[in-house]
All heavy atoms as atom14 arrays in JSON, in Angstrom:
{
  "sequence": "VVIMLYYFLYTFGGNVKNISLVYFCNYVLGTYNDGHTQTLVSV",
  "atom14_mask": [
    [1, 1, 1, 1, 1, 1, 1, 0, 0, 0, 0, 0, 0, 0],
    [1, 1, 1, 1, 1, 1, 1, 0, 0, 0, 0, 0, 0, 0],
    [1, 1, 1, 1, 1, 1, 1, 1, 0, 0, 0, 0, 0, 0],
    [1, 1, 1, 1, 1, 1, 1, 1, 0, 0, 0, 0, 0, 0],
    [1, 1, 1, 1, 1, 1, 1, 1, 0, 0, 0, 0, 0, 0],
    [1, 1, 1, 1, 1, 1, 1, 1, 1, 1, 1, 1, 0, 0],
    [1, 1, 1, 1, 1, 1, 1, 1, 1, 1, 1, 1, 0, 0],
    [1, 1, 1, 1, 1, 1, 1, 1, 1, 1, 1, 0, 0, 0],
    [1, 1, 1, 1, 1, 1, 1, 1, 0, 0, 0, 0, 0, 0],
    [1, 1, 1, 1, 1, 1, 1, 1, 1, 1, 1, 1, 0, 0],
    [1, 1, 1, 1, 1, 1, 1, 0, 0, 0, 0, 0, 0, 0],
    [1, 1, 1, 1, 1, 1, 1, 1, 1, 1, 1, 0, 0, 0],
    [1, 1, 1, 1, 0, 0, 0, 0, 0, 0, 0, 0, 0, 0],
    [1, 1, 1, 1, 0, 0, 0, 0, 0, 0, 0, 0, 0, 0],
    [1, 1, 1, 1, 1, 1, 1, 1, 0, 0, 0, 0, 0, 0],
    [1, 1, 1, 1, 1, 1, 1, 0, 0, 0, 0, 0, 0, 0],
    [1, 1, 1, 1, 1, 1, 1, 1, 1, 0, 0, 0, 0, 0],
    [1, 1, 1, 1, 1, 1, 1, 1, 0, 0, 0, 0, 0, 0],
    [1, 1, 1, 1, 1, 1, 1, 1, 0, 0, 0, 0, 0, 0],
    [1, 1, 1, 1, 1, 1, 0, 0, 0, 0, 0, 0, 0, 0],
    [1, 1, 1, 1, 1, 1, 1, 1, 0, 0, 0, 0, 0, 0],
    [1, 1, 1, 1, 1, 1, 1, 0, 0, 0, 0, 0, 0, 0],
    [1, 1, 1, 1, 1, 1, 1, 1, 1, 1, 1, 1, 0, 0],
    [1, 1, 1, 1, 1, 1, 1, 1, 1, 1, 1, 0, 0, 0],
    [1, 1, 1, 1, 1, 1, 0, 0, 0, 0, 0, 0, 0, 0],
    [1, 1, 1, 1, 1, 1, 1, 1, 0, 0, 0, 0, 0, 0],
    [1, 1, 1, 1, 1, 1, 1, 1, 1, 1, 1, 1, 0, 0],
    [1, 1, 1, 1, 1, 1, 1, 0, 0, 0, 0, 0, 0, 0],
    [1, 1, 1, 1, 1, 1, 1, 1, 0, 0, 0, 0, 0, 0],
    [1, 1, 1, 1, 0, 0, 0, 0, 0, 0, 0, 0, 0, 0],
    [1, 1, 1, 1, 1, 1, 1, 0, 0, 0, 0, 0, 0, 0],
    [1, 1, 1, 1, 1, 1, 1, 1, 1, 1, 1, 1, 0, 0],
    [1, 1, 1, 1, 1, 1, 1, 1, 0, 0, 0, 0, 0, 0],
    [1, 1, 1, 1, 1, 1, 1, 1, 0, 0, 0, 0, 0, 0],
    [1, 1, 1, 1, 0, 0, 0, 0, 0, 0, 0, 0, 0, 0],
    [1, 1, 1, 1, 1, 1, 1, 1, 1, 1, 0, 0, 0, 0],
    [1, 1, 1, 1, 1, 1, 1, 0, 0, 0, 0, 0, 0, 0],
    [1, 1, 1, 1, 1, 1, 1, 1, 1, 0, 0, 0, 0, 0],
    [1, 1, 1, 1, 1, 1, 1, 0, 0, 0, 0, 0, 0, 0],
    [1, 1, 1, 1, 1, 1, 1, 1, 0, 0, 0, 0, 0, 0],
    [1, 1, 1, 1, 1, 1, 1, 0, 0, 0, 0, 0, 0, 0],
    [1, 1, 1, 1, 1, 1, 0, 0, 0, 0, 0, 0, 0, 0],
    [1, 1, 1, 1, 1, 1, 1, 0, 0, 0, 0, 0, 0, 0]
  ],
  "atom14_positions": [
    [[-4.84, -35.59, 59.43], [-5.6, -35.51, 58.18], [-5.52, -34.11, 57.59], [-5.3, -33.94, 56.38], [-7.08, -35.91, 58.41], [-7.91, -35.65, 57.16], [-7.19, -37.37, 58.83], [0.0, 0.0, 0.0], [0.0, 0.0, 0.0], [0.0, 0.0, 0.0], [0.0, 0.0, 0.0], [0.0, 0.0, 0.0], [0.0, 0.0, 0.0], [0.0, 0.0, 0.0]],
    [[-5.67, -33.1, 58.44], [-5.64, -31.71, 57.97], [-4.3, -31.36, 57.36], [-4.22, -30.78, 56.27], [-5.97, -30.74, 59.12], [-5.6, -29.3, 58.74], [-7.45, -30.81, 59.46], [0.0, 0.0, 0.0], [0.0, 0.0, 0.0], [0.0, 0.0, 0.0], [0.0, 0.0, 0.0], [0.0, 0.0, 0.0], [0.0, 0.0, 0.0], [0.0, 0.0, 0.0]],
    [[-3.2, -31.73, 58.03], [-1.88, -31.32, 57.54], [-1.51, -32.08, 56.26], [-0.8, -31.55, 55.4], [-0.8, -31.49, 58.62], [0.37, -30.54, 58.32], [-0.31, -32.93, 58.74], [1.31, -30.31, 59.47], [0.0, 0.0, 0.0], [0.0, 0.0, 0.0], [0.0, 0.0, 0.0], [0.0, 0.0, 0.0], [0.0, 0.0, 0.0], [0.0, 0.0, 0.0]],
    [[-2.01, -33.31, 56.1], [-1.74, -34.04, 54.86], [-2.55, -33.46, 53.69], [-2.05, -33.36, 52.56], [-2.05, -35.52, 55.04], [-1.08, -36.23, 55.96], [0.64, -36.1, 55.38], [1.55, -36.55, 56.88], [0.0, 0.0, 0.0], [0.0, 0.0, 0.0], [0.0, 0.0, 0.0], [0.0, 0.0, 0.0], [0.0, 0.0, 0.0], [0.0, 0.0, 0.0]],
    [[-3.8, -33.07, 53.94], [-4.6, -32.4, 52.9], [-3.96, -31.08, 52.5], [-3.88, -30.73, 51.32], [-6.02, -32.17, 53.4], [-6.93, -33.39, 53.5], [-8.25, -33.02, 54.16], [-7.18, -34.0, 52.13], [0.0, 0.0, 0.0], [0.0, 0.0, 0.0], [0.0, 0.0, 0.0], [0.0, 0.0, 0.0], [0.0, 0.0, 0.0], [0.0, 0.0, 0.0]],
    [[-3.51, -30.37, 53.51], [-2.82, -29.09, 53.28], [-1.58, -29.3, 52.41], [-1.34, -28.56, 51.45], [-2.46, -28.49, 54.64], [-1.35, -27.49, 54.66], [-1.57, -26.14, 54.39], [-0.05, -27.88, 55.02], [-0.53, -25.23, 54.44], [0.98, -26.98, 55.07], [0.74, -25.64, 54.78], [1.77, -24.75, 54.82], [0.0, 0.0, 0.0], [0.0, 0.0, 0.0]],
    [[-0.78, -30.32, 52.74], [0.45, -30.59, 52.0], [0.14, -31.01, 50.57], [0.86, -30.65, 49.63], [1.25, -31.68, 52.72], [2.62, -31.92, 52.15], [3.56, -30.88, 52.11], [2.99, -33.16, 51.65], [4.82, -31.09, 51.59], [4.25, -33.38, 51.13], [5.17, -32.34, 51.1], [6.41, -32.55, 50.58], [0.0, 0.0, 0.0], [0.0, 0.0, 0.0]],
    [[-0.94, -31.78, 50.38], [-1.33, -32.2, 49.03], [-1.69, -30.99, 48.17], [-1.23, -30.86, 47.04], [-2.52, -33.17, 49.1], [-3.07, -33.54, 47.75], [-2.5, -34.58, 47.03], [-4.14, -32.84, 47.19], [-2.98, -34.92, 45.77], [-4.62, -33.17, 45.93], [-4.05, -34.21, 45.22], [0.0, 0.0, 0.0], [0.0, 0.0, 0.0], [0.0, 0.0, 0.0]],
    [[-2.51, -30.09, 48.7], [-2.93, -28.92, 47.93], [-1.74, -28.02, 47.61], [-1.61, -27.5, 46.5], [-3.97, -28.12, 48.72], [-5.38, -28.71, 48.75], [-6.26, -27.91, 49.7], [-5.99, -28.73, 47.36], [0.0, 0.0, 0.0], [0.0, 0.0, 0.0], [0.0, 0.0, 0.0], [0.0, 0.0, 0.0], [0.0, 0.0, 0.0], [0.0, 0.0, 0.0]],
    [[-0.87, -27.83, 48.6], [0.31, -26.98, 48.39], [1.22, -27.57, 47.32], [1.71, -26.86, 46.44], [1.07, -26.82, 49.71], [2.3, -25.96, 49.6], [2.22, -24.58, 49.53], [3.57, -26.55, 49.56], [3.34, -23.79, 49.43], [4.71, -25.77, 49.45], [4.59, -24.38, 49.38], [5.72, -23.61, 49.26], [0.0, 0.0, 0.0], [0.0, 0.0, 0.0]],
    [[1.45, -28.87, 47.39], [2.34, -29.53, 46.44], [1.74, -29.55, 45.04], [2.43, -29.24, 44.05], [2.63, -30.98, 46.88], [3.16, -30.97, 48.22], [3.63, -31.65, 45.96], [0.0, 0.0, 0.0], [0.0, 0.0, 0.0], [0.0, 0.0, 0.0], [0.0, 0.0, 0.0], [0.0, 0.0, 0.0], [0.0, 0.0, 0.0], [0.0, 0.0, 0.0]],
    [[0.46, -29.87, 44.95], [-0.2, -29.92, 43.64], [-0.22, -28.54, 42.98], [0.14, -28.39, 41.81], [-1.64, -30.45, 43.79], [-2.4, -30.45, 42.5], [-2.1, -31.36, 41.5], [-3.44, -29.55, 42.28], [-2.8, -31.37, 40.3], [-4.15, -29.55, 41.09], [-3.83, -30.46, 40.1], [0.0, 0.0, 0.0], [0.0, 0.0, 0.0], [0.0, 0.0, 0.0]],
    [[-0.63, -27.52, 43.72], [-0.67, -26.17, 43.17], [0.7, -25.68, 42.76], [0.87, -25.06, 41.7], [0.0, 0.0, 0.0], [0.0, 0.0, 0.0], [0.0, 0.0, 0.0], [0.0, 0.0, 0.0], [0.0, 0.0, 0.0], [0.0, 0.0, 0.0], [0.0, 0.0, 0.0], [0.0, 0.0, 0.0], [0.0, 0.0, 0.0], [0.0, 0.0, 0.0]],
    [[1.72, -25.98, 43.58], [3.08, -25.56, 43.26], [3.62, -26.25, 42.02], [4.31, -25.64, 41.2], [0.0, 0.0, 0.0], [0.0, 0.0, 0.0], [0.0, 0.0, 0.0], [0.0, 0.0, 0.0], [0.0, 0.0, 0.0], [0.0, 0.0, 0.0], [0.0, 0.0, 0.0], [0.0, 0.0, 0.0], [0.0, 0.0, 0.0], [0.0, 0.0, 0.0]],
    [[3.31, -27.55, 41.86], [3.76, -28.28, 40.67], [3.15, -27.72, 39.39], [3.84, -27.54, 38.38], [3.41, -29.76, 40.8], [4.33, -30.5, 41.74], [5.38, -29.99, 42.13], [3.95, -31.7, 42.12], [0.0, 0.0, 0.0], [0.0, 0.0, 0.0], [0.0, 0.0, 0.0], [0.0, 0.0, 0.0], [0.0, 0.0, 0.0], [0.0, 0.0, 0.0]],
    [[1.84, -27.46, 39.43], [1.18, -26.92, 38.24], [1.77, -25.55, 37.89], [2.02, -25.24, 36.73], [-0.35, -26.79, 38.49], [-1.01, -26.06, 37.32], [-0.96, -28.18, 38.65], [0.0, 0.0, 0.0], [0.0, 0.0, 0.0], [0.0, 0.0, 0.0], [0.0, 0.0, 0.0], [0.0, 0.0, 0.0], [0.0, 0.0, 0.0], [0.0, 0.0, 0.0]],
    [[2.02, -24.74, 38.9], [2.63, -23.41, 38.68], [4.01, -23.56, 38.05], [4.33, -22.85, 37.07], [2.74, -22.66, 40.0], [3.49, -21.33, 39.9], [3.81, -20.78, 41.28], [4.8, -21.67, 42.01], [5.13, -21.16, 43.36], [0.0, 0.0, 0.0], [0.0, 0.0, 0.0], [0.0, 0.0, 0.0], [0.0, 0.0, 0.0], [0.0, 0.0, 0.0]],
    [[4.83, -24.43, 38.59], [6.2, -24.59, 38.08], [6.21, -25.11, 36.64], [7.03, -24.69, 35.83], [6.99, -25.53, 38.99], [7.24, -24.94, 40.37], [7.24, -23.72, 40.53], [7.42, -25.78, 41.37], [0.0, 0.0, 0.0], [0.0, 0.0, 0.0], [0.0, 0.0, 0.0], [0.0, 0.0, 0.0], [0.0, 0.0, 0.0], [0.0, 0.0, 0.0]],
    [[5.31, -26.05, 36.33], [5.25, -26.6, 34.97], [4.85, -25.52, 33.97], [5.35, -25.46, 32.84], [4.26, -27.78, 34.92], [4.79, -28.96, 35.73], [4.0, -28.22, 33.48], [3.77, -30.05, 35.97], [0.0, 0.0, 0.0], [0.0, 0.0, 0.0], [0.0, 0.0, 0.0], [0.0, 0.0, 0.0], [0.0, 0.0, 0.0], [0.0, 0.0, 0.0]],
    [[3.92, -24.65, 34.38], [3.38, -23.65, 33.45], [4.22, -22.38, 33.38], [3.95, -21.51, 32.54], [1.95, -23.28, 33.85], [1.91, -22.82, 35.19], [0.0, 0.0, 0.0], [0.0, 0.0, 0.0], [0.0, 0.0, 0.0], [0.0, 0.0, 0.0], [0.0, 0.0, 0.0], [0.0, 0.0, 0.0], [0.0, 0.0, 0.0], [0.0, 0.0, 0.0]],
    [[5.25, -22.25, 34.22], [6.08, -21.03, 34.25], [6.66, -20.7, 32.88], [6.54, -19.57, 32.4], [7.2, -21.19, 35.29], [8.31, -20.13, 35.25], [7.75, -18.74, 35.55], [9.44, -20.48, 36.22], [0.0, 0.0, 0.0], [0.0, 0.0, 0.0], [0.0, 0.0, 0.0], [0.0, 0.0, 0.0], [0.0, 0.0, 0.0], [0.0, 0.0, 0.0]],
    [[7.31, -21.66, 32.26], [7.95, -21.43, 30.96], [6.92, -21.03, 29.92], [7.13, -20.1, 29.13], [8.74, -22.67, 30.52], [9.3, -22.46, 29.12], [9.86, -22.99, 31.5], [0.0, 0.0, 0.0], [0.0, 0.0, 0.0], [0.0, 0.0, 0.0], [0.0, 0.0, 0.0], [0.0, 0.0, 0.0], [0.0, 0.0, 0.0], [0.0, 0.0, 0.0]],
    [[5.8, -21.72, 29.9], [4.73, -21.42, 28.93], [4.17, -20.02, 29.16], [3.9, -19.29, 28.19], [3.61, -22.46, 29.03], [4.03, -23.84, 28.62], [4.65, -24.71, 29.53], [3.81, -24.29, 27.32], [5.03, -25.98, 29.15], [4.18, -25.57, 26.93], [4.8, -26.41, 27.85], [5.19, -27.67, 27.47], [0.0, 0.0, 0.0], [0.0, 0.0, 0.0]],
    [[3.99, -19.64, 30.41], [3.46, -18.32, 30.73], [4.42, -17.22, 30.25], [4.0, -16.23, 29.65], [3.22, -18.19, 32.24], [2.72, -16.85, 32.67], [1.38, -16.52, 32.5], [3.57, -15.92, 33.24], [0.9, -15.27, 32.9], [3.11, -14.67, 33.63], [1.76, -14.35, 33.47], [0.0, 0.0, 0.0], [0.0, 0.0, 0.0], [0.0, 0.0, 0.0]],
    [[5.7, -17.41, 30.51], [6.7, -16.42, 30.11], [6.86, -16.37, 28.59], [7.11, -15.31, 28.02], [8.04, -16.73, 30.76], [8.05, -16.53, 32.56], [0.0, 0.0, 0.0], [0.0, 0.0, 0.0], [0.0, 0.0, 0.0], [0.0, 0.0, 0.0], [0.0, 0.0, 0.0], [0.0, 0.0, 0.0], [0.0, 0.0, 0.0], [0.0, 0.0, 0.0]],
    [[6.69, -17.51, 27.91], [6.87, -17.56, 26.46], [5.67, -17.05, 25.67], [5.84, -16.42, 24.61], [7.16, -19.0, 26.02], [8.59, -19.42, 26.32], [9.46, -18.58, 26.56], [8.85, -20.72, 26.32], [0.0, 0.0, 0.0], [0.0, 0.0, 0.0], [0.0, 0.0, 0.0], [0.0, 0.0, 0.0], [0.0, 0.0, 0.0], [0.0, 0.0, 0.0]],
    [[4.46, -17.32, 26.17], [3.28, -17.07, 25.34], [2.29, -16.05, 25.9], [1.39, -15.63, 25.18], [2.53, -18.39, 25.13], [3.36, -19.44, 24.43], [3.7, -20.63, 25.07], [3.82, -19.24, 23.13], [4.46, -21.59, 24.43], [4.58, -20.2, 22.49], [4.9, -21.37, 23.14], [5.67, -22.32, 22.51], [0.0, 0.0, 0.0], [0.0, 0.0, 0.0]],
    [[2.43, -15.67, 27.17], [1.48, -14.72, 27.76], [2.17, -13.41, 28.14], [1.84, -12.34, 27.62], [0.78, -15.33, 29.0], [-0.21, -14.32, 29.59], [0.06, -16.62, 28.64], [0.0, 0.0, 0.0], [0.0, 0.0, 0.0], [0.0, 0.0, 0.0], [0.0, 0.0, 0.0], [0.0, 0.0, 0.0], [0.0, 0.0, 0.0], [0.0, 0.0, 0.0]],
    [[3.15, -13.5, 29.02], [3.82, -12.29, 29.5], [4.89, -11.79, 28.54], [5.03, -10.59, 28.32], [4.44, -12.55, 30.88], [5.13, -11.38, 31.56], [4.15, -10.23, 31.8], [5.75, -11.82, 32.88], [0.0, 0.0, 0.0], [0.0, 0.0, 0.0], [0.0, 0.0, 0.0], [0.0, 0.0, 0.0], [0.0, 0.0, 0.0], [0.0, 0.0, 0.0]],
    [[5.67, -12.71, 27.95], [6.76, -12.34, 27.06], [6.64, -13.03, 25.71], [5.54, -13.4, 25.3], [0.0, 0.0, 0.0], [0.0, 0.0, 0.0], [0.0, 0.0, 0.0], [0.0, 0.0, 0.0], [0.0, 0.0, 0.0], [0.0, 0.0, 0.0], [0.0, 0.0, 0.0], [0.0, 0.0, 0.0], [0.0, 0.0, 0.0], [0.0, 0.0, 0.0]],
    [[7.76, -13.19, 25.06], [7.8, -13.89, 23.78], [8.69, -15.12, 23.91], [9.47, -15.23, 24.86], [8.33, -12.98, 22.65], [9.61, -12.47, 23.03], [7.38, -11.82, 22.42], [0.0, 0.0, 0.0], [0.0, 0.0, 0.0], [0.0, 0.0, 0.0], [0.0, 0.0, 0.0], [0.0, 0.0, 0.0], [0.0, 0.0, 0.0], [0.0, 0.0, 0.0]],
    [[8.61, -16.01, 22.93], [9.28, -17.29, 23.02], [10.8, -17.13, 23.21], [11.49, -16.54, 22.39], [9.01, -18.11, 21.75], [9.53, -19.53, 21.83], [8.81, -20.5, 22.51], [10.73, -19.87, 21.24], [9.28, -21.8, 22.59], [11.21, -21.17, 21.31], [10.48, -22.13, 21.99], [10.95, -23.42, 22.08], [0.0, 0.0, 0.0], [0.0, 0.0, 0.0]],
    [[11.28, -17.67, 24.36], [12.71, -17.66, 24.68], [13.33, -16.28, 24.46], [14.4, -16.17, 23.83], [13.45, -18.7, 23.84], [13.3, -20.1, 24.4], [12.8, -20.29, 25.5], [13.73, -21.1, 23.64], [0.0, 0.0, 0.0], [0.0, 0.0, 0.0], [0.0, 0.0, 0.0], [0.0, 0.0, 0.0], [0.0, 0.0, 0.0], [0.0, 0.0, 0.0]],
    [[12.69, -15.23, 24.99], [13.24, -13.88, 24.78], [14.45, -13.58, 25.65], [15.1, -12.55, 25.51], [12.15, -12.82, 24.99], [11.5, -12.91, 26.37], [12.15, -13.39, 27.31], [10.32, -12.49, 26.5], [0.0, 0.0, 0.0], [0.0, 0.0, 0.0], [0.0, 0.0, 0.0], [0.0, 0.0, 0.0], [0.0, 0.0, 0.0], [0.0, 0.0, 0.0]],
    [[14.74, -14.48, 26.6], [15.98, -14.35, 27.37], [15.88, -13.49, 28.61], [16.84, -13.44, 29.39], [0.0, 0.0, 0.0], [0.0, 0.0, 0.0], [0.0, 0.0, 0.0], [0.0, 0.0, 0.0], [0.0, 0.0, 0.0], [0.0, 0.0, 0.0], [0.0, 0.0, 0.0], [0.0, 0.0, 0.0], [0.0, 0.0, 0.0], [0.0, 0.0, 0.0]],
    [[14.76, -12.8, 28.86], [14.7, -11.95, 30.04], [13.43, -12.11, 30.86], [13.43, -11.86, 32.07], [14.85, -10.47, 29.64], [13.72, -9.95, 28.8], [13.73, -10.01, 27.43], [12.54, -9.38, 29.14], [12.61, -9.49, 26.96], [11.86, -9.1, 27.97], [0.0, 0.0, 0.0], [0.0, 0.0, 0.0], [0.0, 0.0, 0.0], [0.0, 0.0, 0.0]],
    [[12.33, -12.52, 30.23], [11.06, -12.6, 30.95], [11.11, -13.59, 32.11], [10.79, -13.26, 33.26], [9.91, -12.98, 30.0], [9.84, -12.02, 28.94], [8.58, -13.01, 30.74], [0.0, 0.0, 0.0], [0.0, 0.0, 0.0], [0.0, 0.0, 0.0], [0.0, 0.0, 0.0], [0.0, 0.0, 0.0], [0.0, 0.0, 0.0], [0.0, 0.0, 0.0]],
    [[11.54, -14.81, 31.83], [11.59, -15.82, 32.88], [12.59, -15.44, 33.96], [12.36, -15.67, 35.16], [11.95, -17.19, 32.3], [11.88, -18.31, 33.34], [12.11, -19.68, 32.74], [12.02, -19.86, 31.52], [12.41, -20.64, 33.58], [0.0, 0.0, 0.0], [0.0, 0.0, 0.0], [0.0, 0.0, 0.0], [0.0, 0.0, 0.0], [0.0, 0.0, 0.0]],
    [[13.71, -14.82, 33.56], [14.7, -14.4, 34.55], [14.13, -13.35, 35.49], [14.3, -13.41, 36.71], [15.95, -13.84, 33.84], [16.52, -14.85, 33.01], [16.98, -13.38, 34.86], [0.0, 0.0, 0.0], [0.0, 0.0, 0.0], [0.0, 0.0, 0.0], [0.0, 0.0, 0.0], [0.0, 0.0, 0.0], [0.0, 0.0, 0.0], [0.0, 0.0, 0.0]],
    [[13.42, -12.36, 34.93], [12.81, -11.31, 35.76], [11.79, -11.89, 36.73], [11.79, -11.55, 37.92], [12.15, -10.26, 34.87], [13.06, -9.21, 34.22], [12.28, -8.37, 33.23], [13.7, -8.33, 35.28], [0.0, 0.0, 0.0], [0.0, 0.0, 0.0], [0.0, 0.0, 0.0], [0.0, 0.0, 0.0], [0.0, 0.0, 0.0], [0.0, 0.0, 0.0]],
    [[10.93, -12.75, 36.23], [9.91, -13.35, 37.08], [10.55, -14.17, 38.2], [10.14, -14.09, 39.37], [8.96, -14.23, 36.25], [8.02, -15.03, 37.15], [8.15, -13.38, 35.29], [0.0, 0.0, 0.0], [0.0, 0.0, 0.0], [0.0, 0.0, 0.0], [0.0, 0.0, 0.0], [0.0, 0.0, 0.0], [0.0, 0.0, 0.0], [0.0, 0.0, 0.0]],
    [[11.6, -14.91, 37.88], [12.27, -15.76, 38.88], [13.02, -14.92, 39.9], [12.97, -15.19, 41.1], [13.24, -16.72, 38.18], [12.56, -17.58, 37.3], [0.0, 0.0, 0.0], [0.0, 0.0, 0.0], [0.0, 0.0, 0.0], [0.0, 0.0, 0.0], [0.0, 0.0, 0.0], [0.0, 0.0, 0.0], [0.0, 0.0, 0.0], [0.0, 0.0, 0.0]],
    [[13.71, -13.87, 39.43], [14.51, -13.04, 40.34], [13.61, -12.23, 41.26], [13.76, -12.27, 42.5], [15.44, -12.09, 39.54], [16.09, -11.08, 40.47], [16.51, -12.89, 38.82], [0.0, 0.0, 0.0], [0.0, 0.0, 0.0], [0.0, 0.0, 0.0], [0.0, 0.0, 0.0], [0.0, 0.0, 0.0], [0.0, 0.0, 0.0], [0.0, 0.0, 0.0]]
  ]
}
């Protein structure tokens, strides 16, 4: 039960993070499709 709850939280949190990555780089940290913000964060 513990390891399945752990896996659920890890997967859910990771999915939300991955979905919001582009939006964060476009509208918070950088500018829309500036060509370097997302690359820097990923690298």
